[in-house]
PDB file of N, CA and C in Angstrom:
ATOM      1  N   UNK A   1     124.235 106.875 111.041  1.00  0.00           N
ATOM      2  CA  UNK A   1     122.883 106.378 110.850  1.00  0.00           C
ATOM      3  C   UNK A   1     122.890 104.964 110.270  1.00  0.00           C
ATOM      4  N   UNK A   2     123.849 104.699 109.385  1.00  0.00           N
ATOM      5  CA  UNK A   2     123.904 103.392 108.749  1.00  0.00           C
ATOM      6  C   UNK A   2     124.157 102.283 109.768  1.00  0.00           C
ATOM      7  N   UNK A   3     125.095 102.491 110.678  1.00  0.00           N
ATOM      8  CA  UNK A   3     125.379 101.480 111.705  1.00  0.00           C
ATOM      9  C   UNK A   3     124.180 101.270 112.628  1.00  0.00           C
ATOM     10  N   UNK A   4     123.531 102.347 113.004  1.00  0.00           N
ATOM     11  CA  UNK A   4     122.342 102.252 113.869  1.00  0.00           C
ATOM     12  C   UNK A   4     121.222 101.510 113.138  1.00  0.00           C
ATOM     13  N   UNK A   5     121.026 101.794 111.867  1.00  0.00           N
ATOM     14  CA  UNK A   5     120.002 101.111 111.078  1.00  0.00           C
ATOM     15  C   UNK A   5     120.282  99.624 110.986  1.00  0.00           C
ATOM     16  N   UNK A   6     121.518  99.290 110.766  1.00  0.00           N
ATOM     17  CA  UNK A   6     121.903  97.882 110.682  1.00  0.00           C
ATOM     18  C   UNK A   6     121.656  97.173 112.005  1.00  0.00           C
ATOM     19  N   UNK A   7     122.008  97.796 113.104  1.00  0.00           N
ATOM     20  CA  UNK A   7     121.820  97.221 114.432  1.00  0.00           C
ATOM     21  C   UNK A   7     120.334  96.972 114.709  1.00  0.00           C
ATOM     22  N   UNK A   8     119.499  97.939 114.364  1.00  0.00           N
ATOM     23  CA  UNK A   8     118.052  97.797 114.587  1.00  0.00           C
ATOM     24  C   UNK A   8     117.475  96.678 113.723  1.00  0.00           C
ATOM     25  N   UNK A   9     117.862  96.652 112.465  1.00  0.00           N
ATOM     26  CA  UNK A   9     117.342  95.632 111.551  1.00  0.00           C
ATOM     27  C   UNK A   9     117.779  94.240 111.986  1.00  0.00           C
ATOM     28  N   UNK A  10     119.041  94.086 112.352  1.00  0.00           N
ATOM     29  CA  UNK A  10     119.531  92.773 112.754  1.00  0.00           C
ATOM     30  C   UNK A  10     118.841  92.273 114.014  1.00  0.00           C
ATOM     31  N   UNK A  11     118.482  93.176 114.893  1.00  0.00           N
ATOM     32  CA  UNK A  11     117.729  92.799 116.088  1.00  0.00           C
ATOM     33  C   UNK A  11     116.402  92.137 115.694  1.00  0.00           C
ATOM     34  N   UNK A  12     115.687  92.757 114.778  1.00  0.00           N
ATOM     35  CA  UNK A  12     114.422  92.189 114.321  1.00  0.00           C
ATOM     36  C   UNK A  12     114.632  90.908 113.515  1.00  0.00           C
ATOM     37  N   UNK A  13     115.599  90.922 112.617  1.00  0.00           N
ATOM     38  CA  UNK A  13     115.831  89.739 111.792  1.00  0.00           C
ATOM     39  C   UNK A  13     116.253  88.542 112.633  1.00  0.00           C
ATOM     40  N   UNK A  14     116.968  88.756 113.728  1.00  0.00           N
ATOM     41  CA  UNK A  14     117.339  87.646 114.614  1.00  0.00           C
ATOM     42  C   UNK A  14     116.099  86.969 115.188  1.00  0.00           C
ATOM     43  N   UNK A  15     115.130  87.770 115.607  1.00  0.00           N
ATOM     44  CA  UNK A  15     113.878  87.217 116.131  1.00  0.00           C
ATOM     45  C   UNK A  15     113.150  86.445 115.039  1.00  0.00           C
ATOM     46  N   UNK A  16     113.053  87.029 113.866  1.00  0.00           N
ATOM     47  CA  UNK A  16     112.335  86.384 112.767  1.00  0.00           C
ATOM     48  C   UNK A  16     113.042  85.109 112.319  1.00  0.00           C
ATOM     49  N   UNK A  17     114.343  85.170 112.153  1.00  0.00           N
ATOM     50  CA  UNK A  17     115.097  83.997 111.688  1.00  0.00           C
ATOM     51  C   UNK A  17     115.035  82.841 112.682  1.00  0.00           C
ATOM     52  N   UNK A  18     114.933  83.161 113.950  1.00  0.00           N
ATOM     53  CA  UNK A  18     114.865  82.092 114.948  1.00  0.00           C
ATOM     54  C   UNK A  18     113.465  81.484 115.041  1.00  0.00           C
ATOM     55  N   UNK A  19     112.534  82.002 114.261  1.00  0.00           N
ATOM     56  CA  UNK A  19     111.161  81.483 114.244  1.00  0.00           C
ATOM     57  C   UNK A  19     110.692  81.204 112.820  1.00  0.00           C
ATOM     58  N   UNK A  20     111.601  80.795 111.954  1.00  0.00           N
ATOM     59  CA  UNK A  20     111.292  80.597 110.535  1.00  0.00           C
ATOM     60  C   UNK A  20     110.143  79.626 110.296  1.00  0.00           C
ATOM     61  N   UNK A  21     109.997  78.651 111.168  1.00  0.00           N
ATOM     62  CA  UNK A  21     108.938  77.656 110.970  1.00  0.00           C
ATOM     63  C   UNK A  21     107.544  78.252 111.162  1.00  0.00           C
ATOM     64  N   UNK A  22     107.446  79.378 111.817  1.00  0.00           N
ATOM     65  CA  UNK A  22     106.151  80.009 112.082  1.00  0.00           C
ATOM     66  C   UNK A  22     105.869  81.174 111.133  1.00  0.00           C
ATOM     67  N   UNK A  23     106.858  81.534 110.321  1.00  0.00           N
ATOM     68  CA  UNK A  23     106.758  82.741 109.500  1.00  0.00           C
ATOM     69  C   UNK A  23     107.066  82.461 108.038  1.00  0.00           C
ATOM     70  N   UNK A  24     106.643  83.398 107.215  1.00  0.00           N
ATOM     71  CA  UNK A  24     107.041  83.422 105.811  1.00  0.00           C
ATOM     72  C   UNK A  24     107.997  84.598 105.666  1.00  0.00           C
ATOM     73  N   UNK A  25     109.252  84.294 105.365  1.00  0.00           N
ATOM     74  CA  UNK A  25     110.277  85.324 105.167  1.00  0.00           C
ATOM     75  C   UNK A  25     110.623  85.303 103.690  1.00  0.00           C
ATOM     76  N   UNK A  26     109.954  86.148 102.935  1.00  0.00           N
ATOM     77  CA  UNK A  26     110.033  86.077 101.473  1.00  0.00           C
ATOM     78  C   UNK A  26     111.218  86.823 100.858  1.00  0.00           C
ATOM     79  N   UNK A  27     111.927  87.607 101.645  1.00  0.00           N
ATOM     80  CA  UNK A  27     113.063  88.363 101.116  1.00  0.00           C
ATOM     81  C   UNK A  27     114.353  87.612 101.465  1.00  0.00           C
ATOM     82  N   UNK A  28     115.165  87.347 100.468  1.00  0.00           N
ATOM     83  CA  UNK A  28     116.441  86.664 100.692  1.00  0.00           C
ATOM     84  C   UNK A  28     117.315  87.479 101.650  1.00  0.00           C
ATOM     85  N   UNK A  29     118.099  86.780 102.468  1.00  0.00           N
ATOM     86  CA  UNK A  29     118.917  87.460 103.476  1.00  0.00           C
ATOM     87  C   UNK A  29     119.820  88.533 102.874  1.00  0.00           C
ATOM     88  N   UNK A  30     120.366  88.299 101.716  1.00  0.00           N
ATOM     89  CA  UNK A  30     121.284  89.280 101.132  1.00  0.00           C
ATOM     90  C   UNK A  30     120.567  90.462 100.466  1.00  0.00           C
ATOM     91  N   UNK A  31     119.232  90.443 100.474  1.00  0.00           N
ATOM     92  CA  UNK A  31     118.460  91.541  99.874  1.00  0.00           C
ATOM     93  C   UNK A  31     117.585  92.263 100.897  1.00  0.00           C
ATOM     94  N   UNK A  32     117.761  91.950 102.158  1.00  0.00           N
ATOM     95  CA  UNK A  32     116.922  92.537 103.206  1.00  0.00           C
ATOM     96  C   UNK A  32     117.209  94.021 103.406  1.00  0.00           C
ATOM     97  N   UNK A  33     116.158  94.729 103.743  1.00  0.00           N
ATOM     98  CA  UNK A  33     116.236  96.166 103.976  1.00  0.00           C
ATOM     99  C   UNK A  33     116.600  96.462 105.425  1.00  0.00           C
ATOM    100  N   UNK A  34     117.324  97.538 105.634  1.00  0.00           N
ATOM    101  CA  UNK A  34     117.590  98.038 106.984  1.00  0.00           C
ATOM    102  C   UNK A  34     116.559  99.085 107.391  1.00  0.00           C
ATOM    103  N   UNK A  35     115.619  99.384 106.517  1.00  0.00           N
ATOM    104  CA  UNK A  35     114.594 100.390 106.797  1.00  0.00           C
ATOM    105  C   UNK A  35     113.215  99.781 106.997  1.00  0.00           C
ATOM    106  N   UNK A  36     112.909  98.727 106.252  1.00  0.00           N
ATOM    107  CA  UNK A  36     111.600  98.077 106.322  1.00  0.00           C
ATOM    108  C   UNK A  36     111.788  96.573 106.437  1.00  0.00           C
ATOM    109  N   UNK A  37     111.386  96.042 107.561  1.00  0.00           N
ATOM    110  CA  UNK A  37     111.506  94.608 107.822  1.00  0.00           C
ATOM    111  C   UNK A  37     110.141  93.987 107.526  1.00  0.00           C
ATOM    112  N   UNK A  38     110.119  93.038 106.598  1.00  0.00           N
ATOM    113  CA  UNK A  38     108.852  92.448 106.178  1.00  0.00           C
ATOM    114  C   UNK A  38     108.813  90.954 106.469  1.00  0.00           C
ATOM    115  N   UNK A  39     107.617  90.495 106.815  1.00  0.00           N
ATOM    116  CA  UNK A  39     107.383  89.078 107.044  1.00  0.00           C
ATOM    117  C   UNK A  39     105.895  88.818 106.985  1.00  0.00           C
ATOM    118  N   UNK A  40     105.539  87.545 106.993  1.00  0.00           N
ATOM    119  CA  UNK A  40     104.134  87.163 106.944  1.00  0.00           C
ATOM    120  C   UNK A  40     103.960  85.890 107.755  1.00  0.00           C
ATOM    121  N   UNK A  41     102.724  85.501 107.910  1.00  0.00           N
ATOM    122  CA  UNK A  41     102.377  84.272 108.606  1.00  0.00           C
ATOM    123  C   UNK A  41     101.797  83.291 107.603  1.00  0.00           C
ATOM    124  N   UNK A  42     101.844  82.018 107.942  1.00  0.00           N
ATOM    125  CA  UNK A  42     101.323  80.991 107.038  1.00  0.00           C
ATOM    126  C   UNK A  42      99.801  81.054 106.931  1.00  0.00           C
ATOM    127  N   UNK A  43      99.129  81.441 108.015  1.00  0.00           N
ATOM    128  CA  UNK A  43      97.672  81.503 108.021  1.00  0.00           C
ATOM    129  C   UNK A  43      97.187  82.949 108.168  1.00  0.00           C
ATOM    130  N   UNK A  44      96.170  83.285 107.410  1.00  0.00           N
ATOM    131  CA  UNK A  44      95.568  84.618 107.463  1.00  0.00           C
ATOM    132  C   UNK A  44      95.048  84.928 108.862  1.00  0.00           C
ATOM    133  N   UNK A  45      94.512  83.923 109.528  1.00  0.00           N
ATOM    134  CA  UNK A  45      93.976  84.107 110.889  1.00  0.00           C
ATOM    135  C   UNK A  45      95.070  84.565 111.859  1.00  0.00           C
ATOM    136  N   UNK A  46      96.253  83.987 111.743  1.00  0.00           N
ATOM    137  CA  UNK A  46      97.368  84.377 112.611  1.00  0.00           C
ATOM    138  C   UNK A  46      97.816  85.800 112.294  1.00  0.00           C
ATOM    139  N   UNK A  47      97.858  86.140 111.020  1.00  0.00           N
ATOM    140  CA  UNK A  47      98.198  87.504 110.609  1.00  0.00           C
ATOM    141  C   UNK A  47      97.215  88.502 111.213  1.00  0.00           C
ATOM    142  N   UNK A  48      95.938  88.237 111.101  1.00  0.00           N
ATOM    143  CA  UNK A  48      94.920  89.147 111.641  1.00  0.00           C
ATOM    144  C   UNK A  48      95.039  89.262 113.154  1.00  0.00           C
ATOM    145  N   UNK A  49      95.291  88.137 113.826  1.00  0.00           N
ATOM    146  CA  UNK A  49      95.462  88.174 115.283  1.00  0.00           C
ATOM    147  C   UNK A  49      96.678  89.020 115.650  1.00  0.00           C
ATOM    148  N   UNK A  50      97.765  88.855 114.904  1.00  0.00           N
ATOM    149  CA  UNK A  50      98.972  89.628 115.166  1.00  0.00           C
ATOM    150  C   UNK A  50      98.699  91.119 115.012  1.00  0.00           C
ATOM    151  N   UNK A  51      98.048  91.505 113.938  1.00  0.00           N
ATOM    152  CA  UNK A  51      97.752  92.924 113.700  1.00  0.00           C
ATOM    153  C   UNK A  51      96.870  93.480 114.812  1.00  0.00           C
ATOM    154  N   UNK A  52      95.867  92.722 115.224  1.00  0.00           N
ATOM    155  CA  UNK A  52      94.988  93.172 116.302  1.00  0.00           C
ATOM    156  C   UNK A  52      95.745  93.340 117.618  1.00  0.00           C
ATOM    157  N   UNK A  53      96.535  92.333 117.978  1.00  0.00           N
ATOM    158  CA  UNK A  53      97.281  92.404 119.235  1.00  0.00           C
ATOM    159  C   UNK A  53      98.353  93.486 119.178  1.00  0.00           C
ATOM    160  N   UNK A  54      98.956  93.678 118.028  1.00  0.00           N
ATOM    161  CA  UNK A  54      99.946  94.753 117.875  1.00  0.00           C
ATOM    162  C   UNK A  54      99.281  96.115 118.077  1.00  0.00           C
ATOM    163  N   UNK A  55      98.088  96.273 117.528  1.00  0.00           N
ATOM    164  CA  UNK A  55      97.357  97.523 117.718  1.00  0.00           C
ATOM    165  C   UNK A  55      97.045  97.781 119.177  1.00  0.00           C
ATOM    166  N   UNK A  56      96.632  96.722 119.887  1.00  0.00           N
ATOM    167  CA  UNK A  56      96.354  96.852 121.323  1.00  0.00           C
ATOM    168  C   UNK A  56      97.610  97.234 122.092  1.00  0.00           C
ATOM    169  N   UNK A  57      98.772  96.796 121.595  1.00  0.00           N
ATOM    170  CA  UNK A  57     100.049  97.111 122.233  1.00  0.00           C
ATOM    171  C   UNK A  57     100.628  98.442 121.739  1.00  0.00           C
ATOM    172  N   UNK A  58      99.839  99.164 120.949  1.00  0.00           N
ATOM    173  CA  UNK A  58     100.211 100.495 120.440  1.00  0.00           C
ATOM    174  C   UNK A  58     101.267 100.465 119.337  1.00  0.00           C
ATOM    175  N   UNK A  59     101.330  99.364 118.594  1.00  0.00           N
ATOM    176  CA  UNK A  59     102.166  99.299 117.398  1.00  0.00           C
ATOM    177  C   UNK A  59     101.238  99.460 116.206  1.00  0.00           C
ATOM    178  N   UNK A  60     101.318 100.593 115.552  1.00  0.00           N
ATOM    179  CA  UNK A  60     100.405 100.911 114.455  1.00  0.00           C
ATOM    180  C   UNK A  60     101.175 101.067 113.145  1.00  0.00           C
ATOM    181  N   UNK A  61     100.449 100.926 112.046  1.00  0.00           N
ATOM    182  CA  UNK A  61     101.044 101.138 110.737  1.00  0.00           C
ATOM    183  C   UNK A  61     101.977 100.026 110.303  1.00  0.00           C
ATOM    184  N   UNK A  62     101.724  98.815 110.779  1.00  0.00           N
ATOM    185  CA  UNK A  62     102.620  97.704 110.450  1.00  0.00           C
ATOM    186  C   UNK A  62     102.064  96.800 109.349  1.00  0.00           C
ATOM    187  N   UNK A  63     100.895  97.125 108.844  1.00  0.00           N
ATOM    188  CA  UNK A  63     100.359  96.333 107.738  1.00  0.00           C
ATOM    189  C   UNK A  63     101.287  96.445 106.554  1.00  0.00           C
ATOM    190  N   UNK A  64     101.485  95.324 105.876  1.00  0.00           N
ATOM    191  CA  UNK A  64     102.332  95.327 104.695  1.00  0.00           C
ATOM    192  C   UNK A  64     101.708  96.119 103.565  1.00  0.00           C
ATOM    193  N   UNK A  65     102.459  96.292 102.516  1.00  0.00           N
ATOM    194  CA  UNK A  65     101.977  97.001 101.340  1.00  0.00           C
ATOM    195  C   UNK A  65     100.749  96.292 100.785  1.00  0.00           C
ATOM    196  N   UNK A  66      99.791  97.044 100.288  1.00  0.00           N
ATOM    197  CA  UNK A  66      98.524  96.473  99.839  1.00  0.00           C
ATOM    198  C   UNK A  66      98.691  95.429  98.735  1.00  0.00           C
ATOM    199  N   UNK A  67      99.753  95.518  97.951  1.00  0.00           N
ATOM    200  CA  UNK A  67      99.949  94.537  96.882  1.00  0.00           C
ATOM    201  C   UNK A  67     100.664  93.275  97.364  1.00  0.00           C
ATOM    202  N   UNK A  68     101.262  93.334  98.566  1.00  0.00           N
ATOM    203  CA  UNK A  68     102.038  92.206  99.076  1.00  0.00           C
ATOM    204  C   UNK A  68     101.394  91.600 100.327  1.00  0.00           C
ATOM    205  N   UNK A  69     100.842  92.449 101.171  1.00  0.00           N
ATOM    206  CA  UNK A  69     100.248  91.972 102.420  1.00  0.00           C
ATOM    207  C   UNK A  69     101.299  91.725 103.485  1.00  0.00           C
ATOM    208  N   UNK A  70     100.912  90.951 104.470  1.00  0.00           N
ATOM    209  CA  UNK A  70     101.827  90.626 105.559  1.00  0.00           C
ATOM    210  C   UNK A  70     102.081  91.796 106.476  1.00  0.00           C
ATOM    211  N   UNK A  71     103.271  91.820 107.035  1.00  0.00           N
ATOM    212  CA  UNK A  71     103.682  92.828 108.011  1.00  0.00           C
ATOM    213  C   UNK A  71     104.904  93.562 107.478  1.00  0.00           C
ATOM    214  N   UNK A  72     104.917  94.867 107.698  1.00  0.00           N
ATOM    215  CA  UNK A  72     106.087  95.688 107.361  1.00  0.00           C
ATOM    216  C   UNK A  72     106.357  96.587 108.564  1.00  0.00           C
ATOM    217  N   UNK A  73     107.494  96.356 109.201  1.00  0.00           N
ATOM    218  CA  UNK A  73     107.915  97.188 110.328  1.00  0.00           C
ATOM    219  C   UNK A  73     108.938  98.177 109.793  1.00  0.00           C
ATOM    220  N   UNK A  74     108.562  99.438 109.768  1.00  0.00           N
ATOM    221  CA  UNK A  74     109.465 100.491 109.292  1.00  0.00           C
ATOM    222  C   UNK A  74     110.296 100.991 110.457  1.00  0.00           C
ATOM    223  N   UNK A  75     111.597 100.980 110.271  1.00  0.00           N
ATOM    224  CA  UNK A  75     112.519 101.386 111.346  1.00  0.00           C
ATOM    225  C   UNK A  75     113.459 102.472 110.821  1.00  0.00           C
ATOM    226  N   UNK A  76     112.846 103.527 110.348  1.00  0.00           N
ATOM    227  CA  UNK A  76     113.613 104.656 109.824  1.00  0.00           C
ATOM    228  C   UNK A  76     114.435 105.308 110.928  1.00  0.00           C
ATOM    229  N   UNK A  77     115.254 106.273 110.568  1.00  0.00           N
ATOM    230  CA  UNK A  77     116.167 106.914 111.513  1.00  0.00           C
ATOM    231  C   UNK A  77     115.456 107.510 112.730  1.00  0.00           C
ATOM    232  N   UNK A  78     114.220 107.920 112.578  1.00  0.00           N
ATOM    233  CA  UNK A  78     113.505 108.533 113.705  1.00  0.00           C
ATOM    234  C   UNK A  78     113.068 107.508 114.754  1.00  0.00           C
ATOM    235  N   UNK A  79     113.161 106.227 114.428  1.00  0.00           N
ATOM    236  CA  UNK A  79     112.801 105.163 115.371  1.00  0.00           C
ATOM    237  C   UNK A  79     114.070 104.724 116.093  1.00  0.00           C
ATOM    238  N   UNK A  80     114.100 104.911 117.415  1.00  0.00           N
ATOM    239  CA  UNK A  80     115.322 104.576 118.144  1.00  0.00           C
ATOM    240  C   UNK A  80     115.379 103.091 118.502  1.00  0.00           C
ATOM    241  N   UNK A  81     116.527 102.660 118.955  1.00  0.00           N
ATOM    242  CA  UNK A  81     116.778 101.251 119.252  1.00  0.00           C
ATOM    243  C   UNK A  81     115.835 100.719 120.332  1.00  0.00           C
ATOM    244  N   UNK A  82     115.509 101.520 121.324  1.00  0.00           N
ATOM    245  CA  UNK A  82     114.600 101.068 122.381  1.00  0.00           C
ATOM    246  C   UNK A  82     113.221 100.713 121.825  1.00  0.00           C
ATOM    247  N   UNK A  83     112.737 101.491 120.875  1.00  0.00           N
ATOM    248  CA  UNK A  83     111.443 101.188 120.262  1.00  0.00           C
ATOM    249  C   UNK A  83     111.515  99.896 119.449  1.00  0.00           C
ATOM    250  N   UNK A  84     112.624  99.689 118.785  1.00  0.00           N
ATOM    251  CA  UNK A  84     112.799  98.463 118.012  1.00  0.00           C
ATOM    252  C   UNK A  84     112.865  97.263 118.959  1.00  0.00           C
ATOM    253  N   UNK A  85     113.523  97.420 120.093  1.00  0.00           N
ATOM    254  CA  UNK A  85     113.567  96.347 121.089  1.00  0.00           C
ATOM    255  C   UNK A  85     112.166  96.006 121.570  1.00  0.00           C
ATOM    256  N   UNK A  86     111.335  97.011 121.742  1.00  0.00           N
ATOM    257  CA  UNK A  86     109.965  96.770 122.208  1.00  0.00           C
ATOM    258  C   UNK A  86     109.173  95.961 121.193  1.00  0.00           C
ATOM    259  N   UNK A  87     109.266  96.287 119.934  1.00  0.00           N
ATOM    260  CA  UNK A  87     108.507  95.511 118.952  1.00  0.00           C
ATOM    261  C   UNK A  87     109.129  94.131 118.762  1.00  0.00           C
ATOM    262  N   UNK A  88     110.443  94.026 118.874  1.00  0.00           N
ATOM    263  CA  UNK A  88     111.095  92.712 118.785  1.00  0.00           C
ATOM    264  C   UNK A  88     110.612  91.818 119.925  1.00  0.00           C
ATOM    265  N   UNK A  89     110.523  92.374 121.120  1.00  0.00           N
ATOM    266  CA  UNK A  89     110.008  91.617 122.275  1.00  0.00           C
ATOM    267  C   UNK A  89     108.557  91.217 122.057  1.00  0.00           C
ATOM    268  N   UNK A  90     107.772  92.134 121.509  1.00  0.00           N
ATOM    269  CA  UNK A  90     106.369  91.832 121.229  1.00  0.00           C
ATOM    270  C   UNK A  90     106.263  90.695 120.217  1.00  0.00           C
ATOM    271  N   UNK A  91     107.031  90.764 119.137  1.00  0.00           N
ATOM    272  CA  UNK A  91     106.991  89.724 118.105  1.00  0.00           C
ATOM    273  C   UNK A  91     107.393  88.388 118.709  1.00  0.00           C
ATOM    274  N   UNK A  92     108.457  88.385 119.476  1.00  0.00           N
ATOM    275  CA  UNK A  92     108.930  87.137 120.091  1.00  0.00           C
ATOM    276  C   UNK A  92     107.877  86.547 121.021  1.00  0.00           C
ATOM    277  N   UNK A  93     107.263  87.376 121.823  1.00  0.00           N
ATOM    278  CA  UNK A  93     106.209  86.914 122.728  1.00  0.00           C
ATOM    279  C   UNK A  93     105.012  86.364 121.952  1.00  0.00           C
ATOM    280  N   UNK A  94     104.618  87.072 120.898  1.00  0.00           N
ATOM    281  CA  UNK A  94     103.501  86.615 120.083  1.00  0.00           C
ATOM    282  C   UNK A  94     103.823  85.257 119.466  1.00  0.00           C
ATOM    283  N   UNK A  95     105.013  85.119 118.929  1.00  0.00           N
ATOM    284  CA  UNK A  95     105.389  83.863 118.270  1.00  0.00           C
ATOM    285  C   UNK A  95     105.423  82.697 119.242  1.00  0.00           C
ATOM    286  N   UNK A  96     105.757  82.950 120.490  1.00  0.00           N
ATOM    287  CA  UNK A  96     105.717  81.884 121.493  1.00  0.00           C
ATOM    288  C   UNK A  96     104.303  81.403 121.736  1.00  0.00           C
ATOM    289  N   UNK A  97     103.326  82.286 121.521  1.00  0.00           N
ATOM    290  CA  UNK A  97     101.921  81.925 121.760  1.00  0.00           C
ATOM    291  C   UNK A  97     101.298  81.198 120.572  1.00  0.00           C
ATOM    292  N   UNK A  98     102.008  81.169 119.449  1.00  0.00           N
ATOM    293  CA  UNK A  98     101.509  80.538 118.236  1.00  0.00           C
ATOM    294  C   UNK A  98     101.986  79.082 118.204  1.00  0.00           C
ATOM    295  N   UNK A  99     101.035  78.182 117.990  1.00  0.00           N
ATOM    296  CA  UNK A  99     101.436  76.757 117.979  1.00  0.00           C
ATOM    297  C   UNK A  99     101.916  76.312 116.631  1.00  0.00           C
TER     298      UNK A  99
END
């Protein structure tokens, strides 16, 4: 499970790290979780658009913790690699649409 979790997390972190200029990545690389991948956007409007479009794409429950905000993608053991690839593709596509 540990290797699978690492593989899933690194897939998402690769997408996020390659778009650092468009995102707020508040967790240091050496402290990142393999279970919950968190990030935010610089503008509230972009965050709201992302949440809305994610919902339309059937990605639910990605709102960050109420005290922190942003986005939290939980990739627990029950989430397989194919599902993580789908959200990674969605995030990458969304980020391409953001100027």
